[in-house]
Protein backbone atom coordinates (compact mmCIF):
# COMPACT_ATOMS: atom_id res chain seq x y z
CA MET A 1 143.22 -215.02 149.10
CA ILE A 2 140.55 -212.53 150.21
CA SER A 3 143.27 -210.44 152.10
CA LEU A 4 145.48 -210.40 149.06
CA VAL A 5 142.68 -209.25 146.68
CA SER A 6 141.32 -206.72 149.02
CA ALA A 7 144.99 -205.31 149.61
CA ILE A 8 145.47 -204.99 145.85
CA ILE A 9 142.09 -203.21 145.36
CA VAL A 10 142.83 -200.77 148.31
CA LEU A 11 146.52 -200.03 147.41
CA GLY A 12 145.64 -199.85 143.70
CA ILE A 13 142.76 -197.32 144.15
CA LEU A 14 144.74 -195.15 146.66
CA ILE A 15 147.72 -195.12 144.52
CA PHE A 16 145.77 -194.28 141.38
CA VAL A 17 143.86 -191.37 143.17
CA HIS A 18 147.15 -189.96 144.42
CA GLU A 19 148.95 -190.01 141.11
CA LEU A 20 145.82 -188.88 139.36
CA GLY A 21 146.11 -185.65 141.36
CA HIS A 22 149.61 -185.02 140.06
CA PHE A 23 148.51 -185.90 136.41
CA ILE A 24 145.56 -183.63 136.39
CA PHE A 25 147.21 -180.62 137.74
CA ALA A 26 150.20 -181.17 135.44
CA LYS A 27 147.71 -181.18 132.59
CA ILE A 28 145.99 -177.97 134.00
CA PHE A 29 149.35 -176.13 133.96
CA LYS A 30 150.27 -177.59 130.42
CA VAL A 31 153.09 -179.79 131.63
CA GLY A 32 153.84 -182.78 129.44
CA VAL A 33 153.36 -186.14 131.03
CA GLU A 34 155.59 -188.95 129.74
CA LYS A 35 154.57 -191.76 132.05
CA PHE A 36 151.68 -192.59 134.48
CA SER A 37 152.49 -195.78 136.37
CA LEU A 38 150.90 -197.90 139.02
CA GLY A 39 153.80 -199.56 140.83
CA PHE A 40 157.55 -199.27 140.54
CA GLY A 41 160.12 -201.37 138.84
CA PRO A 42 159.80 -203.34 135.51
CA LYS A 43 156.86 -202.84 133.22
CA VAL A 44 154.30 -205.57 133.40
CA PHE A 45 151.79 -203.82 130.94
CA GLY A 46 151.91 -200.53 129.14
CA LYS A 47 149.81 -198.62 126.58
CA LYS A 48 150.71 -195.21 125.05
CA ILE A 49 147.75 -192.88 124.51
CA GLY A 50 148.68 -189.55 123.09
CA GLU A 51 152.16 -188.43 124.53
CA THR A 52 151.65 -190.46 127.85
CA GLU A 53 152.54 -194.20 128.38
CA TYR A 54 150.28 -195.76 131.07
CA LEU A 55 152.02 -198.42 132.95
CA LEU A 56 151.32 -201.21 135.32
CA SER A 57 154.64 -202.06 136.97
CA ALA A 58 155.86 -205.09 138.98
CA PHE A 59 156.08 -203.61 142.56
CA PRO A 60 152.68 -202.35 143.57
CA LEU A 61 153.72 -200.32 146.70
CA GLY A 62 153.58 -196.94 145.05
CA GLY A 63 153.39 -195.22 141.69
CA TYR A 64 154.75 -192.21 139.82
CA VAL A 65 153.91 -189.56 137.16
CA LYS A 66 156.94 -188.82 135.05
CA MET A 67 156.73 -185.18 133.69
CA VAL A 68 158.69 -183.70 130.81
CA GLY A 69 161.92 -181.84 132.18
CA GLU A 70 161.41 -183.14 135.76
CA ALA A 71 164.95 -184.45 135.89
CA GLY A 72 166.43 -181.50 134.04
CA GLU A 73 166.21 -179.41 130.85
CA GLU A 74 169.59 -179.92 129.26
CA ASP A 75 168.50 -182.36 126.41
CA LEU A 76 165.07 -180.84 125.77
CA SER A 77 163.86 -179.47 122.50
CA GLU A 78 162.63 -175.80 122.46
CA GLU A 79 159.04 -177.14 122.24
CA ASP A 80 159.54 -179.48 125.24
CA ARG A 81 161.15 -176.66 127.32
CA SER A 82 157.78 -174.75 127.15
CA ARG A 83 155.99 -177.98 128.59
CA SER A 84 158.78 -178.66 131.06
CA PHE A 85 157.83 -179.15 134.80
CA LEU A 86 160.82 -177.09 135.93
CA ALA A 87 160.06 -174.31 133.56
CA LYS A 88 156.81 -173.62 135.36
CA PRO A 89 156.63 -171.00 138.19
CA PRO A 90 157.28 -172.42 141.72
CA LEU A 91 153.60 -171.90 142.78
CA GLN A 92 152.42 -174.10 139.90
CA ARG A 93 155.05 -176.65 140.66
CA MET A 94 153.86 -176.60 144.26
CA MET A 95 150.21 -177.12 143.23
CA ILE A 96 151.06 -180.19 141.01
CA VAL A 97 153.05 -181.68 143.91
CA PHE A 98 150.27 -180.93 146.54
CA ALA A 99 147.62 -182.25 144.32
CA GLY A 100 148.61 -185.88 145.10
CA PRO A 101 148.00 -185.78 148.92
CA LEU A 102 144.97 -183.49 148.33
CA PHE A 103 143.26 -186.05 146.08
CA ASN A 104 143.82 -188.66 148.84
CA LEU A 105 142.13 -186.38 151.36
CA VAL A 106 139.28 -185.49 148.93
CA PHE A 107 138.81 -189.27 148.15
CA ALA A 108 138.53 -190.01 151.94
CA TYR A 109 136.05 -187.02 152.45
CA LEU A 110 133.74 -188.39 149.58
CA ALA A 111 134.05 -191.96 150.91
CA PHE A 112 133.01 -190.87 154.45
CA ILE A 113 129.98 -188.91 152.89
CA SER A 114 128.99 -191.98 150.90
CA ILE A 115 129.27 -194.20 154.01
CA PHE A 116 126.85 -191.97 155.94
CA MET A 117 124.43 -192.00 153.06
CA MET A 118 124.55 -195.82 152.63
CA GLY A 119 124.16 -196.35 156.28
CA VAL A 120 126.50 -196.54 159.31
CA PRO A 121 126.40 -199.55 161.76
CA PHE A 122 126.12 -198.28 165.35
CA THR A 123 126.60 -200.70 168.33
CA THR A 124 123.51 -200.72 170.54
CA SER A 125 123.33 -199.94 174.17
CA LYS A 126 122.80 -203.60 175.03
CA ILE A 127 125.20 -204.94 177.59
CA GLY A 128 127.25 -207.99 176.60
CA GLU A 129 129.40 -208.47 179.75
CA VAL A 130 129.25 -207.17 183.34
CA VAL A 131 132.67 -207.17 184.98
CA LYS A 132 132.76 -208.80 188.43
CA ASP A 133 133.19 -206.63 191.55
CA MET A 134 132.83 -203.45 189.37
CA PRO A 135 130.18 -200.74 189.97
CA ALA A 136 127.65 -202.08 187.38
CA ALA A 137 127.81 -205.61 188.91
CA ARG A 138 127.33 -204.27 192.43
CA ALA A 139 124.38 -202.19 191.30
CA GLY A 140 122.71 -205.35 189.85
CA LEU A 141 123.21 -204.98 186.06
CA LYS A 142 123.40 -208.12 184.08
CA ALA A 143 124.44 -209.36 180.57
CA ASN A 144 121.84 -208.72 177.96
CA ASP A 145 120.32 -205.73 179.90
CA ILE A 146 119.48 -202.75 177.56
CA VAL A 147 120.07 -199.32 178.86
CA VAL A 148 117.44 -197.05 177.36
CA ALA A 149 118.12 -193.83 179.32
CA VAL A 150 120.81 -192.11 181.48
CA ASN A 151 119.73 -189.47 183.96
CA GLY A 152 116.56 -189.12 182.00
CA GLN A 153 118.19 -188.81 178.69
CA PRO A 154 117.23 -191.53 176.12
CA VAL A 155 120.24 -193.56 174.67
CA SER A 156 120.12 -196.27 172.13
CA LYS A 157 123.77 -196.37 171.08
CA TRP A 158 126.77 -197.64 172.95
CA GLY A 159 128.66 -194.44 171.99
CA ASP A 160 126.05 -192.24 173.81
CA LEU A 161 126.06 -194.53 176.86
CA SER A 162 129.87 -194.34 177.03
CA LYS A 163 129.82 -190.65 176.58
CA SER A 164 127.24 -190.24 179.40
CA ILE A 165 129.48 -192.35 181.82
CA ILE A 166 132.61 -190.39 180.95
CA GLU A 167 130.84 -186.95 181.23
CA SER A 168 129.39 -187.97 184.60
CA GLY A 169 132.71 -187.03 186.30
CA GLY A 170 132.10 -189.91 188.62
CA LYS A 171 128.78 -188.74 189.96
CA PRO A 172 125.87 -191.28 190.42
CA LEU A 173 124.12 -192.31 187.20
CA ASP A 174 120.39 -193.11 187.22
CA LEU A 175 119.96 -195.66 184.42
CA LYS A 176 116.63 -196.91 182.98
CA VAL A 177 117.20 -200.49 181.98
CA LYS A 178 115.13 -203.03 180.04
CA ARG A 179 115.31 -206.66 181.00
CA ASN A 180 113.11 -209.50 179.66
CA GLY A 181 110.51 -207.00 178.51
CA GLU A 182 110.44 -205.13 181.75
CA THR A 183 111.80 -201.60 182.48
CA PHE A 184 113.18 -200.54 185.76
CA ALA A 185 115.64 -198.00 187.32
CA ILE A 186 119.14 -198.62 188.67
CA ARG A 187 121.56 -196.27 190.25
CA VAL A 188 125.27 -196.83 189.46
CA VAL A 189 128.15 -194.96 191.13
CA PRO A 190 131.13 -195.00 188.50
CA GLN A 191 134.69 -195.50 189.82
CA VAL A 192 137.44 -193.42 188.37
CA SER A 193 140.09 -195.36 186.50
CA SER A 194 143.47 -194.58 184.89
CA GLN A 195 144.49 -196.47 181.61
CA LYS A 196 146.44 -195.74 178.38
CA ASN A 197 144.64 -194.98 175.18
CA LEU A 198 145.61 -195.88 171.64
CA LEU A 199 147.99 -192.83 171.48
CA GLY A 200 149.89 -193.90 174.60
CA ASP A 201 148.45 -191.16 176.87
CA THR A 202 147.28 -192.00 180.36
CA VAL A 203 143.59 -191.03 180.53
CA THR A 204 141.70 -190.84 183.82
CA SER A 205 137.88 -191.30 183.35
CA PRO A 206 134.84 -192.89 185.20
CA ILE A 207 134.01 -196.45 184.32
CA ILE A 208 131.22 -198.82 185.55
CA GLY A 209 132.54 -202.17 184.26
CA ILE A 210 130.38 -203.14 181.23
CA ALA A 211 131.21 -204.29 177.63
CA ALA A 212 128.94 -204.00 174.59
CA SER A 213 127.13 -207.00 173.28
CA GLY A 214 128.09 -206.39 169.65
CA ASP A 215 124.48 -206.02 168.47
CA PHE A 216 124.17 -203.03 166.08
CA VAL A 217 121.64 -201.18 164.03
CA VAL A 218 122.22 -199.31 160.63
CA GLU A 219 121.42 -195.64 160.61
CA ARG A 220 121.25 -193.70 157.38
CA PHE A 221 121.54 -189.92 156.91
CA GLY A 222 120.35 -187.44 154.28
CA PRO A 223 122.69 -185.75 151.91
CA VAL A 224 123.23 -182.54 153.81
CA GLU A 225 123.64 -184.30 157.21
CA SER A 226 126.13 -186.78 155.52
CA VAL A 227 128.22 -183.89 154.21
CA VAL A 228 128.48 -182.42 157.72
CA ARG A 229 129.22 -185.71 159.32
CA GLY A 230 131.73 -186.65 156.50
CA SER A 231 133.49 -183.31 157.10
CA GLU A 232 133.72 -183.91 160.83
CA GLN A 233 134.94 -187.48 160.37
CA THR A 234 137.58 -186.46 157.77
CA TRP A 235 139.00 -183.64 159.99
CA ASN A 236 139.03 -185.90 163.08
CA VAL A 237 140.92 -188.57 161.28
CA VAL A 238 143.34 -186.03 159.89
CA LYS A 239 143.98 -184.59 163.42
CA LEU A 240 144.30 -188.12 164.91
CA THR A 241 146.79 -189.01 162.11
CA ILE A 242 148.96 -185.90 162.97
CA VAL A 243 148.93 -186.55 166.70
CA ALA A 244 149.68 -190.22 166.21
CA LEU A 245 152.78 -189.34 164.12
CA GLY A 246 153.89 -186.87 166.77
CA LYS A 247 153.44 -189.66 169.39
CA ILE A 248 155.50 -192.14 167.14
CA ALA A 249 158.30 -189.63 166.74
CA SER A 250 158.45 -188.98 170.58
CA ARG A 251 158.25 -192.79 171.22
CA ALA A 252 155.06 -192.38 173.26
CA ILE A 253 153.68 -194.86 170.77
CA PRO A 254 156.10 -197.84 170.34
CA LEU A 255 157.68 -198.23 166.90
CA ASP A 256 156.58 -201.85 166.85
CA THR A 257 152.99 -200.76 166.35
CA ILE A 258 153.92 -199.60 162.73
CA GLY A 259 152.67 -201.93 160.08
CA GLY A 260 153.47 -202.64 156.53
CA PRO A 261 151.97 -204.50 153.53
CA ILE A 262 151.10 -207.72 155.36
CA MET A 263 149.19 -205.67 158.09
CA ILE A 264 147.42 -203.74 155.39
CA ALA A 265 146.44 -207.03 153.65
CA LYS A 266 145.19 -208.61 156.79
CA MET A 267 143.11 -205.58 157.81
CA ALA A 268 141.82 -205.08 154.25
CA GLY A 269 140.61 -208.67 154.24
CA GLN A 270 138.99 -208.39 157.70
CA GLN A 271 137.11 -205.25 156.70
CA ALA A 272 136.05 -206.65 153.35
CA GLN A 273 134.27 -209.51 155.20
CA GLU A 274 132.66 -207.10 157.60
CA GLY A 275 130.87 -205.36 154.64
CA VAL A 276 131.14 -202.50 152.12
CA ALA A 277 130.83 -199.70 154.66
CA ASN A 278 133.64 -201.14 156.80
CA PHE A 279 135.82 -201.65 153.72
CA MET A 280 135.26 -198.15 152.46
CA ALA A 281 135.90 -196.74 155.95
CA PHE A 282 139.32 -198.59 156.09
CA MET A 283 140.11 -197.29 152.68
CA ALA A 284 139.22 -193.64 153.65
CA LEU A 285 141.47 -194.07 156.87
CA LEU A 286 144.40 -195.38 154.74
CA SER A 287 143.97 -192.61 152.21
CA ILE A 288 144.18 -189.96 154.84
CA ASN A 289 147.28 -191.58 156.20
CA LEU A 290 148.85 -191.70 152.78
CA GLY A 291 147.92 -187.99 152.16
CA VAL A 292 149.32 -186.78 155.47
CA LEU A 293 152.41 -188.89 155.41
CA ASN A 294 153.30 -187.64 151.92
CA LEU A 295 153.14 -184.03 153.19
CA LEU A 296 155.85 -184.59 155.72
CA PRO A 297 158.70 -182.30 154.90
CA ILE A 298 161.06 -185.19 154.09
CA PRO A 299 162.97 -185.10 150.67
CA VAL A 300 161.62 -187.83 148.29
CA LEU A 301 158.13 -187.27 149.65
CA ASP A 302 155.85 -184.71 148.26
CA GLY A 303 156.17 -182.59 151.36
CA GLY A 304 160.01 -182.31 150.80
CA HIS A 305 159.49 -181.11 147.31
CA LEU A 306 157.10 -178.50 148.65
CA VAL A 307 159.69 -177.18 150.97
CA PHE A 308 162.16 -176.64 148.07
CA TYR A 309 159.77 -174.93 145.82
CA ALA A 310 158.47 -172.82 148.71
CA TRP A 311 162.08 -171.79 149.34
CA GLU A 312 162.41 -170.93 145.64
CA LEU A 313 159.18 -169.01 145.73
CA LEU A 314 160.38 -166.90 148.79
CA PHE A 315 163.86 -166.29 148.02
CA ARG A 316 163.69 -166.06 144.18
CA LYS A 317 166.24 -168.74 143.56
CA PRO A 318 166.19 -172.60 143.61
CA VAL A 319 167.79 -174.54 146.29
CA GLY A 320 171.41 -175.50 145.34
CA MET A 321 171.85 -178.75 143.39
CA LYS A 322 174.32 -180.24 146.04
CA THR A 323 171.94 -179.45 148.93
CA ARG A 324 169.11 -181.02 147.11
CA GLU A 325 171.15 -184.25 146.29
CA LEU A 326 172.27 -184.46 149.85
CA ALA A 327 168.70 -183.95 151.19
CA GLN A 328 167.37 -186.51 148.74
CA GLN A 329 169.83 -188.99 149.96
CA VAL A 330 168.95 -188.42 153.53
CA GLY A 331 165.18 -188.71 152.76
CA LEU A 332 165.84 -191.89 150.84
CA VAL A 333 167.73 -193.48 153.79
CA LEU A 334 164.82 -192.44 156.16
CA LEU A 335 162.11 -193.83 153.79
CA ILE A 336 163.93 -197.06 153.32
CA GLY A 337 164.51 -197.39 157.01
CA LEU A 338 160.82 -196.90 157.73
CA MET A 339 160.05 -199.49 155.08
CA VAL A 340 162.36 -201.94 156.45
CA LEU A 341 160.92 -201.39 160.00
CA ALA A 342 157.39 -201.83 158.72
CA PHE A 343 158.43 -205.17 156.94
CA TYR A 344 160.25 -206.33 160.13
CA ASN A 345 157.24 -205.56 162.27
CA ASP A 346 154.98 -207.54 159.89
CA ILE A 347 157.32 -210.55 159.92
CA VAL A 348 157.53 -210.59 163.72
CA ARG A 349 153.77 -210.09 164.10
CA TYR A 350 152.45 -212.48 161.50
CA VAL A 351 155.29 -214.99 160.71
CA VAL A 352 157.34 -215.32 163.94
CA GLY A 353 154.40 -214.80 166.09
CA GLN A 354 152.50 -217.62 164.63
CA GLY A 355 155.57 -219.98 164.64
């Protein structure tokens, strides 16, 4: 139940944010908006305010903003033609379309800033496990030891400790370790190991054979530093998302790693139980994924529409109707195929895998 409620909250907020971007920019450029819907399919609930009907629809995996004249201008009155989406210059149409993904990215950016201001949990440099026959074990490190310095530089977070090991290049490390209230020095010589990272790349780096204890501290940041860190985090996740998409396309990352609604629900429930910061971080990550995916130049996605309007802007004439219809059909097939793959992976992972 927690997973279901969490997923509804996450998807509801992200879909609303995305469609709100389209809606606001349509209003800015004086385009009439007939419908604003969370979800697709049959109407569950609707209320008309002004010219716009606000809907909650049956299938919550998306949403839409229906604008005046979006499907054509043949049956429009003279008054409606002036408020028609297609009557607006290509650049304005591009901005209306781009606003959806943009709002997802801005939402993630603001979420990351808020997380840093509320407080970010950092794993401490306390060792939880020492791997047998690895450099740390041979040097005498034990579980529950706390590494307080590496080569004379103080450390308190696991990330800083890991970074020091990686940047050593395999050279000996002089660790200052605290054990049972006593502090002493230990020299560890890392061994170089090759392994695959999350993106499927083989990475060679020094390791010493230790794992974190899981203890953490919460660190809060001021407004200015939160903005800086939020900017860095947002950009890093955007870059990671783009790289991951490229790896999936080249099959460096297996297609069975793609997840659908069940995976989102499971992860949303887990992060909700971990606390507000984790839940917000998950929502920000998903929002960036949604924004970047929608910018892919695939017809039926925002990126596909942007390609059509960019063509019109450059060549002073719209893409031919037959070409657009064919492209839309191809894009729809690709999108449906991706959705089927995601559902299939979810079933194999969470239904068959448990059977």
